[in-house]
Amino acid sequence: MADIWVLSWGQDRGRSGQLVRAGAITHLLASEERVSASRVESDEVVRLVGSTGPGALLPEDFHLALLVKLGQARKQARDSDKDLVLVADLDDDSEWDWSVFTVSELWKS
């Protein structure tokens, strides 16, 4: 079975980011400005996604949308050897959404 990761973009989305293994997330914190994750009994908090400004606040239930998309990714990963990455971004209608990609779809060699 493939691993599932969540991509946390840095301030400069094109140059930095961090991958968090979805199986290690045990605690989600959500607001209209960010969704953050941590492990129970850990002091380290990782921002998975943050709003890009006043007009692009996150939906109220965006952390629940992550869990739904994670469930879909787990089904997809069950029969695959390709690691998957969940990415939060604005869609064509400027609405926040979680997408699932294989690592090879994101990696430009």
Protein backbone atom coordinates (compact mmCIF):
# COMPACT_ATOMS: atom_id res chain seq x y z
CA MET A 1 0.00 0.00 0.00
CA ALA A 2 1.22 3.48 -0.88
CA ASP A 3 1.88 6.25 1.65
CA ILE A 4 -0.31 9.34 1.79
CA TRP A 5 1.19 12.76 2.44
CA VAL A 6 -0.21 16.26 2.91
CA LEU A 7 1.74 19.07 1.26
CA SER A 8 2.16 22.14 3.44
CA TRP A 9 3.23 25.09 1.32
CA GLY A 10 5.77 27.57 2.61
CA GLN A 11 5.40 31.32 2.21
CA ASP A 12 6.87 31.10 -1.31
CA ARG A 13 4.68 28.38 -2.82
CA GLY A 14 7.00 27.75 -5.74
CA ARG A 15 10.14 27.20 -3.70
CA SER A 16 9.43 25.60 -0.39
CA GLY A 17 7.03 23.28 1.31
CA GLN A 18 6.90 20.41 3.69
CA LEU A 19 5.33 16.98 3.44
CA VAL A 20 3.49 15.59 6.45
CA ARG A 21 2.66 11.89 6.48
CA ALA A 22 -1.12 11.73 6.82
CA GLY A 23 -0.90 8.72 9.15
CA ALA A 24 1.07 10.79 11.66
CA ILE A 25 -1.64 13.45 12.01
CA THR A 26 -3.66 12.92 15.17
CA HIS A 27 -4.90 16.44 15.85
CA LEU A 28 -6.35 19.08 13.48
CA LEU A 29 -6.81 22.74 14.37
CA ALA A 30 -9.03 24.82 12.11
CA SER A 31 -10.05 28.44 11.67
CA GLU A 32 -11.09 30.57 8.74
CA GLU A 33 -7.42 31.50 8.29
CA ARG A 34 -5.64 28.14 8.57
CA VAL A 35 -5.76 24.39 9.07
CA SER A 36 -2.91 23.08 11.20
CA ALA A 37 -1.99 19.58 12.28
CA SER A 38 -0.03 17.96 15.07
CA ARG A 39 0.41 14.70 16.88
CA VAL A 40 -1.13 14.18 20.28
CA GLU A 41 1.51 14.88 22.97
CA SER A 42 3.65 16.85 20.52
CA ASP A 43 4.45 20.55 20.76
CA GLU A 44 5.12 20.80 17.03
CA VAL A 45 2.27 22.26 14.97
CA VAL A 46 2.42 22.32 11.18
CA ARG A 47 0.30 24.72 9.14
CA LEU A 48 -1.18 22.63 6.32
CA VAL A 49 -2.90 25.53 4.60
CA GLY A 50 -3.47 29.20 5.26
CA SER A 51 -5.75 31.74 3.63
CA THR A 52 -4.15 33.96 1.04
CA GLY A 53 -5.92 37.11 2.14
CA PRO A 54 -9.24 38.61 3.22
CA GLY A 55 -11.05 37.49 0.05
CA ALA A 56 -9.79 33.92 0.25
CA LEU A 57 -10.72 32.74 3.75
CA LEU A 58 -10.99 29.00 4.24
CA PRO A 59 -14.42 27.37 4.37
CA GLU A 60 -15.77 26.74 7.86
CA ASP A 61 -15.49 22.95 7.45
CA PHE A 62 -12.25 22.76 5.47
CA HIS A 63 -10.65 20.45 8.05
CA LEU A 64 -13.57 18.04 7.54
CA ALA A 65 -13.08 18.27 3.78
CA LEU A 66 -9.48 17.15 4.40
CA LEU A 67 -10.74 14.06 6.24
CA VAL A 68 -13.15 13.22 3.41
CA LYS A 69 -10.41 13.59 0.79
CA LEU A 70 -8.03 11.56 2.97
CA GLY A 71 -10.58 8.73 3.07
CA GLN A 72 -10.82 8.80 -0.73
CA ALA A 73 -7.03 8.78 -1.01
CA ARG A 74 -6.79 5.78 1.33
CA LYS A 75 -9.14 3.82 -0.94
CA GLN A 76 -7.06 4.83 -3.95
CA ALA A 77 -3.78 3.92 -2.20
CA ARG A 78 -5.00 0.52 -1.04
CA ASP A 79 -4.38 -1.06 -4.44
CA SER A 80 -1.45 1.06 -5.55
CA ASP A 81 2.27 1.37 -4.98
CA LYS A 82 2.31 5.08 -5.91
CA ASP A 83 2.52 7.49 -3.00
CA LEU A 84 -0.22 10.14 -2.96
CA VAL A 85 -0.10 13.79 -1.94
CA LEU A 86 -3.06 15.88 -0.77
CA VAL A 87 -2.80 19.53 -1.74
CA ALA A 88 -5.04 22.44 -0.74
CA ASP A 89 -5.47 25.17 -3.29
CA LEU A 90 -7.96 27.51 -4.90
CA ASP A 91 -9.84 25.98 -7.83
CA ASP A 92 -10.87 27.76 -11.05
CA ASP A 93 -13.84 29.34 -9.23
CA SER A 94 -11.57 30.67 -6.44
CA GLU A 95 -13.00 28.12 -4.00
CA TRP A 96 -10.74 26.18 -1.64
CA ASP A 97 -10.51 22.45 -2.30
CA TRP A 98 -8.28 19.48 -1.51
CA SER A 99 -6.84 17.57 -4.48
CA VAL A 100 -5.04 14.24 -4.64
CA PHE A 101 -1.97 13.76 -6.82
CA THR A 102 0.66 11.09 -7.23
CA VAL A 103 4.16 12.25 -6.38
CA SER A 104 5.15 11.93 -10.04
CA GLU A 105 2.37 14.36 -11.03
CA LEU A 106 3.86 17.01 -8.73
CA TRP A 107 7.53 16.37 -9.33
CA LYS A 108 9.01 18.13 -12.32
CA SER A 109 12.33 16.52 -13.09
